């Protein structure tokens, strides 16, 4: 179920959880998928080419970014329809803590 798409923006449950700002909800989805042996595709994009990590970066949700990156470091290099990475979105929206976190993760 976490990979199903919802609404006109073609979001997954991960997108919706991050958009809600509820870290507990995101962790619940990630944990449920793991417990049920479901393959969770954290790299899925919405209609604008944004991953759930783009959403977290855009909103300054550093904890959510950390949870998502624990599933896939490839998310750091993902670009949206305007060729912006999650780090660039965090910077553009002045979420310095999130931007610093993403930059430090990209060095690992």
Protein backbone atom coordinates (compact mmCIF):
# COMPACT_ATOMS: atom_id res chain seq x y z
CA UNK A 1 0.00 0.00 0.00
CA UNK A 2 2.77 2.56 0.66
CA UNK A 3 3.63 2.63 -3.06
CA UNK A 4 0.06 3.32 -4.21
CA UNK A 5 -0.53 6.77 -5.62
CA UNK A 6 -3.15 9.21 -4.37
CA UNK A 7 -4.88 12.28 -5.74
CA UNK A 8 -4.22 14.52 -8.68
CA UNK A 9 -0.59 15.12 -7.66
CA UNK A 10 0.24 11.42 -7.93
CA UNK A 11 1.61 11.21 -4.37
CA UNK A 12 2.46 8.06 -2.43
CA UNK A 13 1.76 7.46 1.27
CA UNK A 14 5.31 8.63 1.97
CA UNK A 15 4.66 11.96 0.23
CA UNK A 16 1.44 12.40 2.20
CA UNK A 17 3.06 11.51 5.53
CA UNK A 18 5.88 14.00 5.01
CA UNK A 19 3.43 16.65 3.82
CA UNK A 20 1.48 16.18 7.07
CA UNK A 21 4.60 16.91 9.10
CA UNK A 22 3.96 13.90 11.34
CA UNK A 23 7.22 12.02 11.90
CA UNK A 24 5.38 9.31 13.83
CA UNK A 25 3.16 8.65 10.80
CA UNK A 26 6.15 8.42 8.47
CA UNK A 27 7.93 6.03 10.83
CA UNK A 28 4.75 3.94 11.14
CA UNK A 29 4.52 3.57 7.35
CA UNK A 30 8.19 2.67 7.10
CA UNK A 31 7.94 0.16 9.97
CA UNK A 32 4.73 -1.45 8.66
CA UNK A 33 6.23 -1.95 5.23
CA UNK A 34 9.30 -3.56 6.79
CA UNK A 35 7.28 -5.84 9.09
CA UNK A 36 5.02 -7.00 6.28
CA UNK A 37 8.00 -7.63 3.99
CA UNK A 38 6.71 -5.10 1.49
CA UNK A 39 9.16 -3.45 -0.85
CA UNK A 40 8.99 0.26 -0.15
CA UNK A 41 10.02 2.50 -3.02
CA UNK A 42 11.24 5.71 -1.39
CA UNK A 43 12.41 6.89 -4.82
CA UNK A 44 8.87 7.26 -6.20
CA UNK A 45 8.13 10.74 -7.51
CA UNK A 46 4.96 12.80 -7.70
CA UNK A 47 3.69 14.60 -10.80
CA UNK A 48 6.43 17.24 -10.36
CA UNK A 49 9.25 14.73 -10.07
CA UNK A 50 9.56 15.24 -6.31
CA UNK A 51 10.41 12.42 -3.91
CA UNK A 52 9.28 12.37 -0.30
CA UNK A 53 12.76 13.69 0.57
CA UNK A 54 12.10 16.75 -1.60
CA UNK A 55 8.96 17.36 0.48
CA UNK A 56 10.91 17.00 3.74
CA UNK A 57 13.64 19.35 2.54
CA UNK A 58 11.18 21.94 1.24
CA UNK A 59 9.42 22.01 4.62
CA UNK A 60 12.50 21.79 6.83
CA UNK A 61 11.65 18.40 8.34
CA UNK A 62 15.15 17.22 9.24
CA UNK A 63 13.94 14.22 11.25
CA UNK A 64 11.84 13.01 8.35
CA UNK A 65 14.77 13.47 5.99
CA UNK A 66 16.86 11.26 8.28
CA UNK A 67 14.16 8.56 8.34
CA UNK A 68 13.88 8.56 4.55
CA UNK A 69 17.64 8.48 4.03
CA UNK A 70 17.87 5.43 6.27
CA UNK A 71 16.00 3.65 3.46
CA UNK A 72 17.79 5.10 0.43
CA UNK A 73 20.79 7.42 0.11
CA UNK A 74 20.07 7.65 -3.62
CA UNK A 75 17.36 10.16 -2.70
CA UNK A 76 20.05 12.81 -2.14
CA UNK A 77 20.76 12.98 -5.88
CA UNK A 78 17.14 12.95 -7.04
CA UNK A 79 16.07 16.01 -9.01
CA UNK A 80 12.59 17.41 -9.53
CA UNK A 81 11.14 18.77 -12.76
CA UNK A 82 13.25 21.92 -12.36
CA UNK A 83 16.43 19.90 -11.72
CA UNK A 84 16.51 20.81 -8.02
CA UNK A 85 17.91 18.41 -5.44
CA UNK A 86 16.44 18.14 -1.94
CA UNK A 87 19.45 20.10 -0.64
CA UNK A 88 18.71 22.93 -3.06
CA UNK A 89 15.07 23.04 -1.94
CA UNK A 90 16.10 23.24 1.70
CA UNK A 91 18.47 26.11 0.88
CA UNK A 92 15.90 27.90 -1.28
CA UNK A 93 13.38 27.77 1.58
CA UNK A 94 15.95 28.81 4.20
CA UNK A 95 15.84 25.60 6.17
CA UNK A 96 19.50 25.81 7.15
CA UNK A 97 19.52 22.90 9.62
CA UNK A 98 17.96 20.58 7.05
CA UNK A 99 20.30 21.84 4.33
CA UNK A 100 23.33 21.24 6.57
CA UNK A 101 22.10 17.75 7.40
CA UNK A 102 21.57 16.87 3.73
CA UNK A 103 24.98 18.26 2.79
CA UNK A 104 26.66 16.21 5.53
CA UNK A 105 24.82 13.05 4.39
CA UNK A 106 25.93 13.57 0.79
CA UNK A 107 29.56 13.50 1.93
CA UNK A 108 29.21 10.03 3.43
